[in-house]
């Protein structure tokens, strides 16, 4: 007899994806470095770039190419954002 996973009983019993990137408005300079994040009244200036790294992965399936930035914003809050180098969009990556 083979093991067969049971069907989820309700939504809370099913698999949920965590830490999905959220689209984010980013004002970048000519070198592609973020100057401000957010839109309108929610926009905050970047006070500093703490770290920059790039991920190129999954070439055997769907290519992922991203440039990540760990930012310190003007109010002292840290944010991790990335630019999708294939689709050219900006996203926030939550750390939870």
Protein backbone atom coordinates (compact mmCIF):
# COMPACT_ATOMS: atom_id res chain seq x y z
CA UNK A 1 0.00 0.00 0.00
CA UNK A 2 1.30 3.43 -0.95
CA UNK A 3 0.97 6.49 1.24
CA UNK A 4 -1.37 9.09 -0.18
CA UNK A 5 -1.54 12.62 1.26
CA UNK A 6 -4.96 13.58 2.55
CA UNK A 7 -6.91 16.38 0.96
CA UNK A 8 -6.87 19.68 2.87
CA UNK A 9 -9.96 20.06 5.03
CA UNK A 10 -9.95 23.85 4.94
CA UNK A 11 -7.78 26.76 3.82
CA UNK A 12 -5.85 26.78 7.10
CA UNK A 13 -4.94 23.14 6.45
CA UNK A 14 -3.49 23.81 2.99
CA UNK A 15 0.00 24.89 1.97
CA UNK A 16 0.54 28.63 1.76
CA UNK A 17 3.50 30.40 0.22
CA UNK A 18 5.27 32.72 2.64
CA UNK A 19 7.54 35.65 2.06
CA UNK A 20 6.27 36.42 -1.45
CA UNK A 21 7.82 39.59 -2.89
CA UNK A 22 5.47 42.57 -3.09
CA UNK A 23 5.63 45.07 -5.99
CA UNK A 24 7.14 48.39 -4.90
CA UNK A 25 7.55 51.81 -6.49
CA UNK A 26 11.25 52.73 -6.51
CA UNK A 27 12.93 55.91 -7.72
CA UNK A 28 16.41 54.88 -8.91
CA UNK A 29 19.32 56.99 -10.11
CA UNK A 30 21.10 56.60 -13.47
CA UNK A 31 23.20 53.74 -12.04
CA UNK A 32 20.09 51.82 -10.91
CA UNK A 33 20.62 52.58 -7.21
CA UNK A 34 17.45 53.27 -5.20
CA UNK A 35 16.96 56.90 -4.05
CA UNK A 36 13.41 56.57 -2.68
CA UNK A 37 10.90 53.77 -2.15
CA UNK A 38 7.12 53.93 -2.06
CA UNK A 39 4.74 56.21 -3.88
CA UNK A 40 3.08 59.50 -3.04
CA UNK A 41 2.76 60.33 0.66
CA UNK A 42 4.19 56.88 1.54
CA UNK A 43 7.45 57.63 -0.31
CA UNK A 44 10.61 57.58 1.84
CA UNK A 45 14.10 58.67 0.90
CA UNK A 46 16.95 56.17 1.07
CA UNK A 47 19.43 57.28 3.74
CA UNK A 48 21.97 54.55 2.94
CA UNK A 49 22.63 51.34 1.08
CA UNK A 50 23.94 48.79 3.58
CA UNK A 51 24.54 45.91 1.15
CA UNK A 52 24.07 44.95 -2.50
CA UNK A 53 24.03 41.42 -3.91
CA UNK A 54 22.88 39.64 -7.03
CA UNK A 55 21.14 36.32 -7.50
CA UNK A 56 21.09 34.46 -10.83
CA UNK A 57 19.37 31.12 -10.37
CA UNK A 58 17.15 28.39 -11.74
CA UNK A 59 18.59 28.46 -15.24
CA UNK A 60 17.26 24.92 -15.73
CA UNK A 61 13.63 26.07 -15.24
CA UNK A 62 12.65 29.72 -15.25
CA UNK A 63 15.56 32.10 -15.10
CA UNK A 64 15.76 34.37 -12.06
CA UNK A 65 18.07 37.36 -12.14
CA UNK A 66 17.74 39.88 -9.32
CA UNK A 67 19.81 42.65 -7.77
CA UNK A 68 19.05 43.01 -4.05
CA UNK A 69 19.59 46.05 -1.84
CA UNK A 70 19.49 46.24 1.95
CA UNK A 71 18.45 49.84 2.55
CA UNK A 72 18.23 52.17 5.50
CA UNK A 73 15.43 54.67 4.97
CA UNK A 74 15.24 58.24 6.24
CA UNK A 75 13.21 57.16 9.29
CA UNK A 76 15.84 54.53 10.24
CA UNK A 77 13.78 51.55 9.06
CA UNK A 78 15.63 48.81 7.12
CA UNK A 79 14.10 47.37 3.95
CA UNK A 80 15.25 44.66 1.55
CA UNK A 81 14.24 45.44 -2.03
CA UNK A 82 15.21 43.94 -5.35
CA UNK A 83 15.06 44.75 -9.01
CA UNK A 84 13.95 41.94 -11.30
CA UNK A 85 16.63 42.23 -14.00
CA UNK A 86 14.54 40.23 -16.46
CA UNK A 87 11.13 41.87 -15.96
CA UNK A 88 12.61 45.20 -14.78
CA UNK A 89 10.15 45.59 -11.87
CA UNK A 90 10.98 46.47 -8.27
CA UNK A 91 9.82 44.44 -5.26
CA UNK A 92 10.10 44.41 -1.49
CA UNK A 93 11.26 41.17 0.11
CA UNK A 94 9.92 40.85 3.66
CA UNK A 95 12.15 39.07 6.15
CA UNK A 96 9.53 36.99 7.97
